[in-house]
Amino acid sequence: MSDESKIISLSDRARRRKGPRERSTGQGARGTRGSAGPPADGEAKPAQNAAPQPPPSTTPVPAQLIWLYCPACQTLEYTELALPNGRIHQPCGTQVEEAVVDVDTRAEYSLAELNLRQLERLAELVDAQRGRFREYQQRLELAARHPLSSYPLTEDTVRLMPVAEVDPLGLLISPFLRQPLQRFRPEPEPADGPSTAPASSGAPSTAPAEAGGASAAPADSGAPAPDSGKPAP
């Protein structure tokens, strides 16, 4: 028998194995496997959720960092690159002093991450305070009825300005902005004098008013709290 007759006979035999439905639709086993549809009971279902992430590692990662000090320029830097022959400070040509420190880089990295998160929170606070003081300057110009300019911002003039306190951000708080609630709840008088309502350490915190109205802010925060100029009800 020739090779061609073997090929034909094998093809005929394969067609006979197919069922009537497969011959009519032209779909064999390959088409059945590729057809869409939910898997039957008992068949393996694909995983819907990704594999759980492993917990963060708690193993220290030791390494060395190097402090660099130039005794001539008195500059201080650090590096992670160790050089066997030392370093020369390029600006002055002086031999740089080096201090090698063993560190846990994972711990140092974690502290840096915490500091970055704290700086992000501080940046949001600084942005909010910047907006309040810009509005305060605008209200001051409205009160003066003409544009204003600052006094010469030197150390001598700042000493003469009415600064009641310096807040944790280093902002200079004037007596007008400091503890505005005390203007409504004065400090109690001595025991031998007439009694008055005790001063409260708390301060109201309200949302900013609409444009052109008053904008209240928490007391002692350094934020402006201008009055709207409207008569009290």
Protein backbone atom coordinates (compact mmCIF):
# COMPACT_ATOMS: atom_id res chain seq x y z
CA MET A 1 0.00 0.00 0.00
CA SER A 2 1.36 3.45 -0.92
CA ASP A 3 1.96 6.18 1.58
CA GLU A 4 -0.83 8.24 -0.01
CA SER A 5 -3.38 5.50 0.60
CA LYS A 6 -2.34 5.36 4.25
CA ILE A 7 -2.96 9.09 4.62
CA ILE A 8 -6.39 8.82 3.00
CA SER A 9 -7.39 5.85 5.11
CA LEU A 10 -6.31 7.61 8.29
CA SER A 11 -8.37 10.66 7.30
CA ASP A 12 -11.45 8.53 6.62
CA ARG A 13 -11.04 6.78 9.92
CA ALA A 14 -10.81 10.12 11.75
CA ARG A 15 -14.01 11.34 10.06
CA ARG A 16 -15.86 8.22 11.10
CA ARG A 17 -14.93 8.81 14.75
CA LYS A 18 -16.65 12.21 14.69
CA GLY A 19 -20.28 12.35 15.74
CA PRO A 20 -23.02 13.69 13.48
CA ARG A 21 -23.20 17.01 15.39
CA GLU A 22 -19.48 17.61 15.05
CA ARG A 23 -19.55 16.87 11.30
CA SER A 24 -22.49 19.21 10.71
CA THR A 25 -21.04 22.15 12.66
CA GLY A 26 -17.43 21.49 11.80
CA GLN A 27 -16.44 21.75 15.49
CA GLY A 28 -14.27 19.07 16.96
CA ALA A 29 -12.67 18.67 20.28
CA ARG A 30 -10.58 21.77 19.69
CA GLY A 31 -13.66 23.94 19.07
CA THR A 32 -15.37 22.55 22.15
CA ARG A 33 -12.42 23.46 24.35
CA GLY A 34 -12.28 26.99 22.93
CA SER A 35 -16.00 27.70 23.27
CA ALA A 36 -17.06 30.32 25.78
CA GLY A 37 -19.33 29.61 28.71
CA PRO A 38 -19.19 28.89 32.39
CA PRO A 39 -17.26 25.79 33.41
CA ALA A 40 -19.33 22.74 34.24
CA ASP A 41 -19.54 21.36 37.75
CA GLY A 42 -16.38 19.52 38.66
CA GLU A 43 -14.19 21.45 36.20
CA ALA A 44 -11.40 23.67 37.49
CA LYS A 45 -12.40 27.31 37.76
CA PRO A 46 -9.86 30.07 37.17
CA ALA A 47 -8.75 31.98 40.22
CA GLN A 48 -10.69 35.24 40.52
CA ASN A 49 -8.45 36.92 43.09
CA ALA A 50 -4.74 37.39 42.90
CA ALA A 51 -2.51 35.52 45.28
CA PRO A 52 -2.25 37.22 48.70
CA GLN A 53 0.78 39.40 49.14
CA PRO A 54 3.37 38.15 51.62
CA PRO A 55 3.71 40.16 54.85
CA PRO A 56 6.39 42.85 54.94
CA SER A 57 9.80 41.56 55.81
CA THR A 58 11.13 42.26 59.29
CA THR A 59 14.66 41.13 58.60
CA PRO A 60 17.28 43.86 59.09
CA VAL A 61 19.38 44.77 56.06
CA PRO A 62 22.80 45.85 57.34
CA ALA A 63 25.00 48.20 55.34
CA GLN A 64 27.39 51.08 55.81
CA LEU A 65 27.02 54.80 55.27
CA ILE A 66 29.92 57.22 55.42
CA TRP A 67 29.99 60.74 56.79
CA LEU A 68 32.40 63.07 54.99
CA TYR A 69 33.86 66.17 56.64
CA CYS A 70 36.19 68.75 55.11
CA PRO A 71 38.16 70.47 57.90
CA ALA A 72 39.07 73.38 55.61
CA CYS A 73 35.59 74.22 54.29
CA GLN A 74 33.78 72.70 57.30
CA THR A 75 31.28 71.03 54.98
CA LEU A 76 29.49 67.87 56.04
CA GLU A 77 28.01 65.30 53.67
CA TYR A 78 27.28 61.59 53.58
CA THR A 79 27.68 58.89 50.96
CA GLU A 80 27.06 55.19 50.47
CA LEU A 81 30.14 54.77 48.26
CA ALA A 82 33.34 53.71 49.99
CA LEU A 83 36.65 54.57 48.29
CA PRO A 84 39.77 52.66 49.41
CA ASN A 85 42.14 55.60 48.85
CA GLY A 86 40.00 58.29 50.48
CA ARG A 87 38.69 61.49 48.93
CA ILE A 88 39.93 64.96 48.09
CA HIS A 89 37.51 67.84 48.44
CA GLN A 90 37.41 69.29 44.94
CA PRO A 91 36.71 72.95 45.88
CA CYS A 92 39.74 73.26 48.18
CA GLY A 93 41.92 70.17 47.57
CA THR A 94 41.85 69.08 51.23
CA GLN A 95 41.84 65.43 52.30
CA VAL A 96 38.32 64.61 53.47
CA GLU A 97 37.83 62.97 56.85
CA GLU A 98 35.55 59.92 56.79
CA ALA A 99 33.47 58.24 59.49
CA VAL A 100 31.98 54.85 58.59
CA VAL A 101 28.70 54.00 60.36
CA ASP A 102 26.94 50.61 60.41
CA VAL A 103 23.21 51.01 59.85
CA ASP A 104 20.11 48.92 59.31
CA THR A 105 19.03 50.25 55.92
CA ARG A 106 15.50 48.86 56.33
CA ALA A 107 15.04 50.79 59.58
CA GLU A 108 16.52 53.97 58.08
CA TYR A 109 14.25 53.57 55.03
CA SER A 110 11.22 53.14 57.31
CA LEU A 111 12.06 56.31 59.25
CA ALA A 112 12.45 58.22 56.00
CA GLU A 113 9.01 56.98 54.89
CA LEU A 114 7.42 58.16 58.16
CA ASN A 115 9.10 61.56 57.79
CA LEU A 116 7.82 61.90 54.23
CA ARG A 117 4.27 61.18 55.37
CA GLN A 118 4.59 63.75 58.16
CA LEU A 119 5.94 66.32 55.68
CA GLU A 120 2.95 65.70 53.42
CA ARG A 121 0.60 66.45 56.31
CA LEU A 122 2.59 69.56 57.16
CA ALA A 123 2.46 70.67 53.53
CA GLU A 124 -1.33 70.47 53.60
CA LEU A 125 -1.38 72.50 56.82
CA VAL A 126 1.02 75.08 55.39
CA ASP A 127 -1.09 75.44 52.25
CA ALA A 128 -4.21 76.02 54.35
CA GLN A 129 -2.47 78.64 56.50
CA ARG A 130 -1.06 80.36 53.41
CA GLY A 131 -4.57 80.75 52.01
CA ARG A 132 -5.88 82.15 55.30
CA PHE A 133 -3.16 84.78 55.60
CA ARG A 134 -3.59 85.84 51.99
CA GLU A 135 -7.26 86.38 52.70
CA TYR A 136 -6.30 88.27 55.86
CA GLN A 137 -4.18 90.69 53.81
CA GLN A 138 -7.10 91.26 51.46
CA ARG A 139 -9.41 92.01 54.40
CA LEU A 140 -6.84 94.44 55.83
CA GLU A 141 -6.76 96.33 52.53
CA LEU A 142 -10.53 96.49 52.57
CA ALA A 143 -10.41 97.88 56.11
CA ALA A 144 -7.78 100.46 55.10
CA ARG A 145 -9.79 101.28 51.94
CA HIS A 146 -6.65 101.27 49.78
CA PRO A 147 -3.80 98.88 48.88
CA LEU A 148 -1.22 98.27 51.60
CA SER A 149 2.47 97.52 51.63
CA SER A 150 4.58 96.00 54.39
CA TYR A 151 6.96 97.83 56.68
CA PRO A 152 10.63 97.15 55.85
CA LEU A 153 10.98 93.50 56.86
CA THR A 154 14.22 93.74 58.83
CA GLU A 155 15.10 92.42 62.27
CA ASP A 156 14.84 95.90 63.77
CA THR A 157 11.36 96.59 62.44
CA VAL A 158 10.11 93.12 63.32
CA ARG A 159 11.14 93.72 66.94
CA LEU A 160 8.90 96.78 66.99
CA MET A 161 5.87 95.02 65.52
CA PRO A 162 3.03 93.79 67.77
CA VAL A 163 3.86 90.09 68.00
CA ALA A 164 1.91 88.33 70.73
CA GLU A 165 3.35 84.86 70.18
CA VAL A 166 5.07 82.54 67.72
CA ASP A 167 3.10 79.40 66.89
CA PRO A 168 4.63 75.91 66.38
CA LEU A 169 4.99 76.60 62.65
CA GLY A 170 7.04 79.71 63.39
CA LEU A 171 4.23 82.06 62.35
CA LEU A 172 4.06 85.46 64.03
CA ILE A 173 0.68 85.95 65.70
CA SER A 174 -0.52 89.47 66.43
CA PRO A 175 -2.66 90.36 69.45
CA PHE A 176 -5.67 90.70 67.16
CA LEU A 177 -5.37 87.09 65.99
CA ARG A 178 -4.35 85.62 69.34
CA GLN A 179 -7.14 84.00 71.37
CA PRO A 180 -10.08 85.89 69.86
CA LEU A 181 -12.52 84.01 72.09
CA GLN A 182 -11.09 85.82 75.11
CA ARG A 183 -12.67 89.02 73.78
CA PHE A 184 -16.06 87.47 74.50
CA ARG A 185 -15.10 85.49 77.60
CA PRO A 186 -12.65 87.59 79.62
CA GLU A 187 -10.31 86.12 82.18
CA PRO A 188 -11.87 85.72 85.66
CA GLU A 189 -11.02 88.43 88.16
CA PRO A 190 -9.31 87.66 91.48
CA ALA A 191 -11.29 85.91 94.18
CA ASP A 192 -11.86 89.11 96.20
CA GLY A 193 -13.39 90.88 93.21
CA PRO A 194 -16.70 90.33 91.44
CA SER A 195 -17.02 86.92 89.89
CA THR A 196 -17.27 86.53 86.17
CA ALA A 197 -17.74 83.61 83.83
CA PRO A 198 -14.48 81.59 83.57
CA ALA A 199 -12.58 81.74 80.32
CA SER A 200 -12.83 78.69 78.14
CA SER A 201 -9.74 77.15 76.63
CA GLY A 202 -11.70 75.86 73.66
CA ALA A 203 -12.43 77.76 70.50
CA PRO A 204 -15.20 77.44 67.96
CA SER A 205 -14.26 76.02 64.60
CA THR A 206 -16.52 76.91 61.72
CA ALA A 207 -16.33 76.47 57.97
CA PRO A 208 -15.30 79.47 55.87
CA ALA A 209 -18.16 81.81 55.04
CA GLU A 210 -19.18 82.71 51.54
CA ALA A 211 -17.11 85.19 49.56
CA GLY A 212 -17.43 88.67 50.97
CA GLY A 213 -18.55 87.45 54.40
CA ALA A 214 -16.71 86.65 57.58
CA SER A 215 -14.25 83.77 57.66
CA ALA A 216 -13.89 82.23 61.09
CA ALA A 217 -10.97 80.02 62.05
CA PRO A 218 -9.94 78.09 65.17
CA ALA A 219 -8.47 80.30 67.85
CA ASP A 220 -4.73 80.21 68.60
CA SER A 221 -4.03 78.71 65.18
CA GLY A 222 -2.63 81.84 63.59
CA ALA A 223 -5.43 81.85 61.07
CA PRO A 224 -7.18 85.17 60.40
CA ALA A 225 -10.72 85.54 61.64
CA PRO A 226 -11.89 88.89 60.21
CA ASP A 227 -15.24 90.36 61.05
CA SER A 228 -17.77 90.81 58.29
CA GLY A 229 -18.48 94.41 59.24
CA LYS A 230 -22.19 93.66 59.57
CA PRO A 231 -24.10 94.77 62.70
CA ALA A 232 -24.80 92.08 65.24
CA PRO A 233 -28.33 90.67 65.16
